[in-house]
Amino acid sequence: MSERAVALLESRPITGIAFRLAGDEWLPWLPSEDHRLYKAFHKLQVNAFGQDYAEQKVLLERLHEAANEDVYVASFDAIHRDDDRLSYTLWIQGITCSLPRAQFIVFAYEDQTYSGLIPWEHVVAAIGDLMQDEDVYPVRFRVTEFPSEQQRAELLKNALAF
């Protein structure tokens, strides 16, 4: 048997992310939140993005180290809540961060305290100008500036407790 034929017999991972075709672009898809299968699809999606971001994190850390760039490559993490998984990432004060796209952002302060879970959409709407798309997949955003105290106070009005 040829090497190629043997390779085809080996297991290959596939994604747990459902996609839909929008025009000529495939985009991640979830049923509406009131659909009976939403939580099942959502858990699969969070797990799949978790794996993808973990692999990407290792590669980006090597790349930044080789380029002698001081960038914190933030993790894509998840917590269980109400029979669902909620994804979040840490935006750390005082350092340049590479943030994965998650459902929530948690601000990590220099005094080692943390904000609650702030919905991604609220952060982007309020201070999206601080977030620069890194043009990678899965998507990441470079942040070099931490939100001001006033911006954080406004965002914290929408925070959920851990």
N, C-alpha and C. Protein backbone atom coordinates (compact mmCIF):
# COMPACT_ATOMS: atom_id res chain seq x y z
N MET A 1 0.84 -1.18 0.00
CA MET A 1 0.00 0.00 0.00
C MET A 1 0.89 1.24 0.00
N SER A 2 0.53 2.24 -0.79
CA SER A 2 1.33 3.46 -0.89
C SER A 2 1.22 4.29 0.38
N GLU A 3 2.18 5.21 0.56
CA GLU A 3 2.15 6.11 1.72
C GLU A 3 0.87 6.93 1.73
N ARG A 4 0.45 7.36 0.57
CA ARG A 4 -0.76 8.18 0.46
C ARG A 4 -1.98 7.37 0.90
N ALA A 5 -2.07 6.14 0.49
CA ALA A 5 -3.20 5.30 0.86
C ALA A 5 -3.22 5.06 2.36
N VAL A 6 -2.05 4.86 2.96
CA VAL A 6 -1.96 4.67 4.40
C VAL A 6 -2.40 5.94 5.12
N ALA A 7 -1.97 7.09 4.62
CA ALA A 7 -2.34 8.36 5.25
C ALA A 7 -3.84 8.57 5.23
N LEU A 8 -4.49 8.13 4.18
CA LEU A 8 -5.95 8.28 4.10
C LEU A 8 -6.68 7.42 5.12
N LEU A 9 -6.04 6.36 5.61
CA LEU A 9 -6.66 5.49 6.60
C LEU A 9 -6.55 6.04 8.02
N GLU A 10 -5.61 6.97 8.23
CA GLU A 10 -5.42 7.54 9.56
C GLU A 10 -6.58 8.47 9.90
N SER A 11 -6.85 8.60 11.20
CA SER A 11 -7.93 9.49 11.61
C SER A 11 -7.51 10.94 11.38
N ARG A 12 -8.49 11.74 11.02
CA ARG A 12 -8.24 13.16 10.80
C ARG A 12 -9.31 13.94 11.55
N PRO A 13 -8.89 14.96 12.27
CA PRO A 13 -9.89 15.74 12.99
C PRO A 13 -10.74 16.56 12.02
N ILE A 14 -12.01 16.73 12.39
CA ILE A 14 -12.86 17.67 11.68
C ILE A 14 -13.37 18.65 12.71
N THR A 15 -13.94 19.71 12.27
CA THR A 15 -14.36 20.74 13.20
C THR A 15 -15.73 20.46 13.79
N GLY A 16 -15.96 21.00 14.95
CA GLY A 16 -17.27 20.95 15.58
C GLY A 16 -18.06 22.21 15.28
N ILE A 17 -17.58 23.01 14.34
CA ILE A 17 -18.22 24.27 14.00
C ILE A 17 -19.12 24.05 12.78
N ALA A 18 -20.37 24.45 12.90
CA ALA A 18 -21.26 24.43 11.75
C ALA A 18 -21.03 25.72 10.96
N PHE A 19 -21.13 25.62 9.64
CA PHE A 19 -20.92 26.79 8.78
C PHE A 19 -22.13 27.02 7.89
N ARG A 20 -22.27 28.25 7.41
CA ARG A 20 -23.28 28.60 6.42
C ARG A 20 -22.60 29.41 5.33
N LEU A 21 -23.11 29.30 4.13
CA LEU A 21 -22.58 30.04 3.01
C LEU A 21 -23.30 31.38 2.92
N ALA A 22 -22.54 32.46 3.02
CA ALA A 22 -23.09 33.81 2.91
C ALA A 22 -22.43 34.46 1.70
N GLY A 23 -23.16 34.52 0.60
CA GLY A 23 -22.56 35.00 -0.64
C GLY A 23 -21.56 33.96 -1.12
N ASP A 24 -20.30 34.33 -1.14
CA ASP A 24 -19.25 33.36 -1.52
C ASP A 24 -18.31 33.06 -0.36
N GLU A 25 -18.77 33.34 0.87
CA GLU A 25 -17.94 33.13 2.06
C GLU A 25 -18.63 32.19 3.04
N TRP A 26 -17.86 31.23 3.57
CA TRP A 26 -18.37 30.32 4.61
C TRP A 26 -18.14 30.96 5.96
N LEU A 27 -19.21 31.07 6.76
CA LEU A 27 -19.15 31.69 8.07
C LEU A 27 -19.64 30.73 9.15
N PRO A 28 -19.04 30.79 10.36
CA PRO A 28 -19.55 29.96 11.45
C PRO A 28 -21.03 30.27 11.68
N TRP A 29 -21.79 29.24 12.03
CA TRP A 29 -23.24 29.38 12.19
C TRP A 29 -23.72 28.70 13.45
N LEU A 30 -24.71 29.29 14.06
CA LEU A 30 -25.43 28.69 15.19
C LEU A 30 -26.92 28.90 14.97
N PRO A 31 -27.74 27.95 15.43
CA PRO A 31 -29.19 28.21 15.38
C PRO A 31 -29.52 29.33 16.37
N SER A 32 -30.71 29.88 16.27
CA SER A 32 -31.11 30.96 17.18
C SER A 32 -31.08 30.44 18.62
N GLU A 33 -30.89 31.35 19.56
CA GLU A 33 -30.77 30.95 20.97
C GLU A 33 -32.01 30.28 21.52
N ASP A 34 -33.15 30.49 20.91
CA ASP A 34 -34.37 29.84 21.39
C ASP A 34 -34.60 28.47 20.73
N HIS A 35 -33.71 28.09 19.83
CA HIS A 35 -33.84 26.77 19.17
C HIS A 35 -33.44 25.68 20.16
N ARG A 36 -34.12 24.55 20.11
CA ARG A 36 -33.86 23.46 21.07
C ARG A 36 -32.46 22.89 20.96
N LEU A 37 -31.79 23.05 19.81
CA LEU A 37 -30.43 22.51 19.65
C LEU A 37 -29.34 23.56 19.78
N TYR A 38 -29.72 24.78 20.15
CA TYR A 38 -28.72 25.84 20.26
C TYR A 38 -27.57 25.46 21.20
N LYS A 39 -27.90 25.03 22.41
CA LYS A 39 -26.84 24.74 23.40
C LYS A 39 -25.91 23.63 22.92
N ALA A 40 -26.44 22.62 22.26
CA ALA A 40 -25.60 21.53 21.76
C ALA A 40 -24.64 22.05 20.68
N PHE A 41 -25.16 22.82 19.73
CA PHE A 41 -24.32 23.38 18.68
C PHE A 41 -23.30 24.35 19.27
N HIS A 42 -23.75 25.14 20.25
CA HIS A 42 -22.86 26.13 20.85
C HIS A 42 -21.70 25.47 21.59
N LYS A 43 -21.99 24.41 22.34
CA LYS A 43 -20.92 23.69 23.05
C LYS A 43 -19.89 23.15 22.06
N LEU A 44 -20.36 22.56 20.96
CA LEU A 44 -19.44 22.06 19.94
C LEU A 44 -18.58 23.18 19.38
N GLN A 45 -19.20 24.33 19.12
CA GLN A 45 -18.46 25.45 18.56
C GLN A 45 -17.41 25.97 19.53
N VAL A 46 -17.77 26.13 20.79
CA VAL A 46 -16.81 26.62 21.79
C VAL A 46 -15.65 25.64 21.92
N ASN A 47 -15.94 24.36 21.97
CA ASN A 47 -14.87 23.35 22.08
C ASN A 47 -13.95 23.39 20.86
N ALA A 48 -14.53 23.51 19.67
CA ALA A 48 -13.73 23.54 18.45
C ALA A 48 -12.85 24.78 18.39
N PHE A 49 -13.43 25.95 18.70
CA PHE A 49 -12.63 27.16 18.71
C PHE A 49 -11.55 27.08 19.79
N GLY A 50 -11.87 26.45 20.92
CA GLY A 50 -10.88 26.27 21.97
C GLY A 50 -9.66 25.51 21.48
N GLN A 51 -9.88 24.44 20.74
CA GLN A 51 -8.76 23.66 20.18
C GLN A 51 -7.99 24.50 19.16
N ASP A 52 -8.72 25.15 18.25
CA ASP A 52 -8.06 25.95 17.22
C ASP A 52 -7.22 27.06 17.83
N TYR A 53 -7.79 27.77 18.80
CA TYR A 53 -7.06 28.87 19.43
C TYR A 53 -5.86 28.36 20.24
N ALA A 54 -5.98 27.20 20.86
CA ALA A 54 -4.85 26.65 21.62
C ALA A 54 -3.68 26.34 20.69
N GLU A 55 -3.97 25.74 19.54
CA GLU A 55 -2.91 25.44 18.56
C GLU A 55 -2.32 26.74 18.02
N GLN A 56 -3.18 27.70 17.72
CA GLN A 56 -2.72 28.98 17.19
C GLN A 56 -1.84 29.71 18.21
N LYS A 57 -2.22 29.66 19.48
CA LYS A 57 -1.47 30.34 20.55
C LYS A 57 -0.01 29.88 20.58
N VAL A 58 0.19 28.58 20.50
CA VAL A 58 1.55 28.03 20.52
C VAL A 58 2.36 28.58 19.34
N LEU A 59 1.76 28.57 18.17
CA LEU A 59 2.47 29.05 16.97
C LEU A 59 2.75 30.54 17.04
N LEU A 60 1.78 31.33 17.50
CA LEU A 60 2.00 32.77 17.60
C LEU A 60 3.05 33.12 18.65
N GLU A 61 3.06 32.39 19.76
CA GLU A 61 4.09 32.64 20.77
C GLU A 61 5.48 32.39 20.21
N ARG A 62 5.63 31.32 19.44
CA ARG A 62 6.93 31.05 18.79
C ARG A 62 7.29 32.16 17.82
N LEU A 63 6.32 32.60 17.04
CA LEU A 63 6.55 33.66 16.06
C LEU A 63 6.98 34.96 16.75
N HIS A 64 6.28 35.34 17.82
CA HIS A 64 6.62 36.57 18.54
C HIS A 64 7.98 36.46 19.22
N GLU A 65 8.28 35.27 19.73
CA GLU A 65 9.59 35.07 20.35
C GLU A 65 10.71 35.20 19.31
N ALA A 66 10.53 34.59 18.16
CA ALA A 66 11.54 34.66 17.09
C ALA A 66 11.73 36.09 16.60
N ALA A 67 10.65 36.86 16.59
CA ALA A 67 10.72 38.26 16.13
C ALA A 67 11.09 39.21 17.27
N ASN A 68 11.31 38.65 18.46
CA ASN A 68 11.63 39.43 19.65
C ASN A 68 10.56 40.49 19.94
N GLU A 69 9.28 40.08 19.78
CA GLU A 69 8.15 40.96 20.07
C GLU A 69 7.56 40.57 21.42
N ASP A 70 7.27 41.57 22.23
CA ASP A 70 6.70 41.32 23.55
C ASP A 70 5.18 41.44 23.46
N VAL A 71 4.53 40.32 23.11
CA VAL A 71 3.08 40.28 22.94
C VAL A 71 2.54 39.11 23.76
N TYR A 72 1.54 39.40 24.59
CA TYR A 72 0.86 38.35 25.33
C TYR A 72 -0.22 37.77 24.42
N VAL A 73 -0.10 36.50 24.09
CA VAL A 73 -1.09 35.82 23.26
C VAL A 73 -2.13 35.23 24.21
N ALA A 74 -3.26 35.91 24.31
CA ALA A 74 -4.29 35.52 25.27
C ALA A 74 -4.95 34.21 24.88
N SER A 75 -5.33 33.47 25.88
CA SER A 75 -6.03 32.19 25.68
C SER A 75 -7.51 32.42 25.42
N PHE A 76 -8.11 31.45 24.79
CA PHE A 76 -9.56 31.36 24.61
C PHE A 76 -10.00 30.34 25.65
N ASP A 77 -10.69 30.81 26.68
CA ASP A 77 -11.10 29.94 27.77
C ASP A 77 -12.62 29.84 27.82
N ALA A 78 -13.11 28.87 28.55
CA ALA A 78 -14.56 28.70 28.67
C ALA A 78 -14.92 28.26 30.08
N ILE A 79 -16.10 28.66 30.50
CA ILE A 79 -16.66 28.22 31.77
C ILE A 79 -18.03 27.61 31.50
N HIS A 80 -18.42 26.69 32.38
CA HIS A 80 -19.76 26.09 32.29
C HIS A 80 -20.72 26.99 33.06
N ARG A 81 -21.86 27.26 32.42
CA ARG A 81 -22.87 28.08 33.09
C ARG A 81 -24.24 27.74 32.51
N ASP A 82 -25.17 27.40 33.37
CA ASP A 82 -26.54 27.10 32.94
C ASP A 82 -26.56 26.09 31.78
N ASP A 83 -25.89 24.98 31.95
CA ASP A 83 -25.87 23.92 30.93
C ASP A 83 -25.34 24.41 29.58
N ASP A 84 -24.44 25.37 29.62
CA ASP A 84 -23.84 25.91 28.39
C ASP A 84 -22.37 26.20 28.69
N ARG A 85 -21.64 26.53 27.66
CA ARG A 85 -20.25 26.94 27.82
C ARG A 85 -20.12 28.37 27.33
N LEU A 86 -19.54 29.22 28.15
CA LEU A 86 -19.33 30.62 27.78
C LEU A 86 -17.84 30.84 27.57
N SER A 87 -17.49 31.41 26.44
CA SER A 87 -16.08 31.65 26.14
C SER A 87 -15.68 33.07 26.56
N TYR A 88 -14.43 33.19 26.98
CA TYR A 88 -13.92 34.50 27.38
C TYR A 88 -12.42 34.56 27.15
N THR A 89 -11.90 35.77 27.17
CA THR A 89 -10.47 35.99 27.07
C THR A 89 -10.08 37.12 28.02
N LEU A 90 -8.79 37.23 28.32
CA LEU A 90 -8.29 38.27 29.24
C LEU A 90 -7.59 39.38 28.47
N TRP A 91 -7.99 40.60 28.74
CA TRP A 91 -7.32 41.80 28.23
C TRP A 91 -6.56 42.35 29.43
N ILE A 92 -5.24 42.25 29.40
CA ILE A 92 -4.41 42.57 30.56
C ILE A 92 -3.87 43.99 30.49
N GLN A 93 -4.04 44.72 31.57
CA GLN A 93 -3.60 46.11 31.66
C GLN A 93 -2.08 46.21 31.60
N GLY A 94 -1.60 47.16 30.83
CA GLY A 94 -0.18 47.48 30.82
C GLY A 94 0.66 46.70 29.82
N ILE A 95 0.08 45.79 29.06
CA ILE A 95 0.86 45.03 28.08
C ILE A 95 0.11 44.91 26.75
N THR A 96 0.87 44.67 25.71
CA THR A 96 0.27 44.41 24.40
C THR A 96 -0.28 43.00 24.40
N CYS A 97 -1.54 42.87 23.97
CA CYS A 97 -2.21 41.57 23.97
C CYS A 97 -2.73 41.24 22.57
N SER A 98 -2.79 39.96 22.30
CA SER A 98 -3.43 39.43 21.10
C SER A 98 -4.64 38.65 21.60
N LEU A 99 -5.84 39.20 21.34
CA LEU A 99 -7.07 38.65 21.90
C LEU A 99 -7.81 37.78 20.90
N PRO A 100 -8.18 36.56 21.29
CA PRO A 100 -9.05 35.75 20.44
C PRO A 100 -10.47 36.30 20.51
N ARG A 101 -11.25 36.05 19.50
CA ARG A 101 -12.67 36.47 19.49
C ARG A 101 -13.44 35.50 20.39
N ALA A 102 -13.96 36.01 21.49
CA ALA A 102 -14.71 35.19 22.45
C ALA A 102 -16.05 35.87 22.73
N GLN A 103 -16.92 35.21 23.47
CA GLN A 103 -18.20 35.82 23.82
C GLN A 103 -18.04 36.97 24.80
N PHE A 104 -17.02 36.86 25.66
CA PHE A 104 -16.82 37.84 26.71
C PHE A 104 -15.34 38.21 26.83
N ILE A 105 -15.12 39.41 27.34
CA ILE A 105 -13.77 39.87 27.69
C ILE A 105 -13.76 40.12 29.19
N VAL A 106 -12.67 39.74 29.82
CA VAL A 106 -12.44 40.04 31.23
C VAL A 106 -11.22 40.94 31.28
N PHE A 107 -11.35 42.10 31.94
CA PHE A 107 -10.21 42.98 32.12
C PHE A 107 -9.41 42.52 33.33
N ALA A 108 -8.12 42.34 33.14
CA ALA A 108 -7.21 41.95 34.22
C ALA A 108 -6.37 43.17 34.56
N TYR A 109 -6.49 43.63 35.80
CA TYR A 109 -5.83 44.86 36.21
C TYR A 109 -4.45 44.59 36.80
N GLU A 110 -3.63 45.63 36.79
CA GLU A 110 -2.26 45.50 37.30
C GLU A 110 -2.21 45.05 38.75
N ASP A 111 -3.26 45.36 39.53
CA ASP A 111 -3.28 44.95 40.94
C ASP A 111 -3.79 43.52 41.11
N GLN A 112 -3.86 42.79 40.00
CA GLN A 112 -4.26 41.37 39.96
C GLN A 112 -5.72 41.14 40.35
N THR A 113 -6.57 42.12 40.10
CA THR A 113 -8.01 41.93 40.23
C THR A 113 -8.60 41.84 38.82
N TYR A 114 -9.84 41.40 38.74
CA TYR A 114 -10.47 41.16 37.45
C TYR A 114 -11.86 41.78 37.41
N SER A 115 -12.26 42.15 36.20
CA SER A 115 -13.63 42.60 35.99
C SER A 115 -14.51 41.37 35.87
N GLY A 116 -15.80 41.59 35.71
CA GLY A 116 -16.70 40.50 35.38
C GLY A 116 -16.59 40.19 33.89
N LEU A 117 -17.48 39.34 33.43
CA LEU A 117 -17.55 38.98 32.01
C LEU A 117 -18.29 40.08 31.26
N ILE A 118 -17.60 40.74 30.36
CA ILE A 118 -18.20 41.83 29.60
C ILE A 118 -18.46 41.33 28.17
N PRO A 119 -19.70 41.41 27.69
CA PRO A 119 -20.00 40.91 26.36
C PRO A 119 -19.11 41.55 25.28
N TRP A 120 -18.58 40.71 24.41
CA TRP A 120 -17.69 41.15 23.33
C TRP A 120 -18.32 42.30 22.54
N GLU A 121 -19.59 42.15 22.19
CA GLU A 121 -20.25 43.16 21.37
C GLU A 121 -20.26 44.53 22.05
N HIS A 122 -20.41 44.55 23.37
CA HIS A 122 -20.42 45.82 24.10
C HIS A 122 -19.03 46.45 24.07
N VAL A 123 -18.00 45.62 24.21
CA VAL A 123 -16.63 46.13 24.17
C VAL A 123 -16.34 46.73 22.79
N VAL A 124 -16.68 45.99 21.74
CA VAL A 124 -16.41 46.47 20.38
C VAL A 124 -17.18 47.76 20.11
N ALA A 125 -18.44 47.82 20.53
CA ALA A 125 -19.24 49.03 20.29
C ALA A 125 -18.66 50.25 21.00
N ALA A 126 -18.12 50.05 22.20
CA ALA A 126 -17.63 51.17 23.01
C ALA A 126 -16.19 51.54 22.70
N ILE A 127 -15.33 50.52 22.50
CA ILE A 127 -13.89 50.82 22.36
C ILE A 127 -13.23 49.99 21.26
N GLY A 128 -14.01 49.63 20.27
CA GLY A 128 -13.48 48.82 19.17
C GLY A 128 -12.32 49.47 18.45
N ASP A 129 -12.21 50.79 18.54
CA ASP A 129 -11.08 51.48 17.90
C ASP A 129 -9.75 51.13 18.55
N LEU A 130 -9.77 50.55 19.74
CA LEU A 130 -8.53 50.11 20.40
C LEU A 130 -8.09 48.72 19.94
N MET A 131 -8.95 48.05 19.16
CA MET A 131 -8.72 46.66 18.77
C MET A 131 -8.41 46.59 17.27
N GLN A 132 -7.23 46.11 16.94
CA GLN A 132 -6.81 46.02 15.54
C GLN A 132 -6.83 44.56 15.08
N ASP A 133 -7.59 44.29 14.02
CA ASP A 133 -7.69 42.95 13.45
C ASP A 133 -6.30 42.49 13.00
N GLU A 134 -5.89 41.30 13.43
CA GLU A 134 -4.57 40.79 13.08
C GLU A 134 -4.55 40.02 11.77
N ASP A 135 -5.70 39.84 11.14
CA ASP A 135 -5.80 39.15 9.85
C ASP A 135 -5.23 37.73 9.91
N VAL A 136 -5.69 36.97 10.92
CA VAL A 136 -5.32 35.56 11.07
C VAL A 136 -6.60 34.76 11.29
N TYR A 137 -6.49 33.44 11.15
CA TYR A 137 -7.62 32.57 11.47
C TYR A 137 -7.16 31.53 12.48
N PRO A 138 -7.94 31.31 13.53
CA PRO A 138 -9.12 32.06 13.90
C PRO A 138 -8.75 33.51 14.25
N VAL A 139 -9.73 34.38 14.16
CA VAL A 139 -9.48 35.82 14.27
C VAL A 139 -8.92 36.20 15.63
N ARG A 140 -8.06 37.19 15.58
CA ARG A 140 -7.48 37.78 16.79
C ARG A 140 -7.40 39.28 16.60
N PHE A 141 -7.35 39.97 17.74
CA PHE A 141 -7.27 41.43 17.72
C PHE A 141 -6.12 41.88 18.61
N ARG A 142 -5.27 42.75 18.07
CA ARG A 142 -4.13 43.29 18.82
C ARG A 142 -4.60 44.52 19.57
N VAL A 143 -4.27 44.57 20.86
CA VAL A 143 -4.57 45.73 21.69
C VAL A 143 -3.28 46.19 22.35
N THR A 144 -2.98 47.47 22.19
CA THR A 144 -1.76 48.02 22.77
C THR A 144 -2.07 49.04 23.86
N GLU A 145 -3.33 49.43 23.93
CA GLU A 145 -3.76 50.43 24.89
C GLU A 145 -4.91 49.86 25.71
N PHE A 146 -4.89 50.08 27.00
CA PHE A 146 -5.95 49.61 27.89
C PHE A 146 -7.04 50.67 27.95
N PRO A 147 -8.31 50.27 28.03
CA PRO A 147 -9.38 51.26 28.12
C PRO A 147 -9.20 52.17 29.33
N SER A 148 -9.66 53.40 29.18
CA SER A 148 -9.57 54.36 30.28
C SER A 148 -10.49 53.93 31.43
N GLU A 149 -10.30 54.53 32.57
CA GLU A 149 -11.13 54.22 33.73
C GLU A 149 -12.59 54.52 33.44
N GLN A 150 -12.85 55.61 32.75
CA GLN A 150 -14.23 55.99 32.40
C GLN A 150 -14.84 54.96 31.43
N GLN A 151 -14.07 54.53 30.43
CA GLN A 151 -14.56 53.53 29.49
C GLN A 151 -14.86 52.21 30.20
N ARG A 152 -13.96 51.81 31.09
CA ARG A 152 -14.18 50.56 31.83
C ARG A 152 -15.41 50.65 32.72
N ALA A 153 -15.60 51.79 33.38
CA ALA A 153 -16.76 51.96 34.26
C ALA A 153 -18.04 51.82 33.46
N GLU A 154 -18.07 52.36 32.27
CA GLU A 154 -19.27 52.23 31.42
C GLU A 154 -19.47 50.77 30.99
N LEU A 155 -18.40 50.11 30.61
CA LEU A 155 -18.49 48.71 30.18
C LEU A 155 -18.90 47.79 31.32
N LEU A 156 -18.44 48.07 32.52
CA LEU A 156 -18.75 47.21 33.67
C LEU A 156 -20.23 47.18 34.02
N LYS A 157 -20.99 48.15 33.50
CA LYS A 157 -22.45 48.15 33.72
C LYS A 157 -23.10 46.93 33.05
N ASN A 158 -22.41 46.36 32.06
CA ASN A 158 -22.94 45.20 31.32
C ASN A 158 -22.26 43.89 31.72
N ALA A 159 -21.43 43.93 32.77
CA ALA A 159 -20.65 42.74 33.16
C ALA A 159 -21.50 41.72 33.89
N LEU A 160 -21.18 40.45 33.65
CA LEU A 160 -21.76 39.34 34.40
C LEU A 160 -20.72 38.86 35.39
N ALA A 161 -21.16 38.38 36.53
CA ALA A 161 -20.23 37.80 37.51
C ALA A 161 -19.80 36.42 37.02
N PHE A 162 -18.62 35.98 37.44
CA PHE A 162 -18.13 34.64 37.07
C PHE A 162 -19.02 33.59 37.68
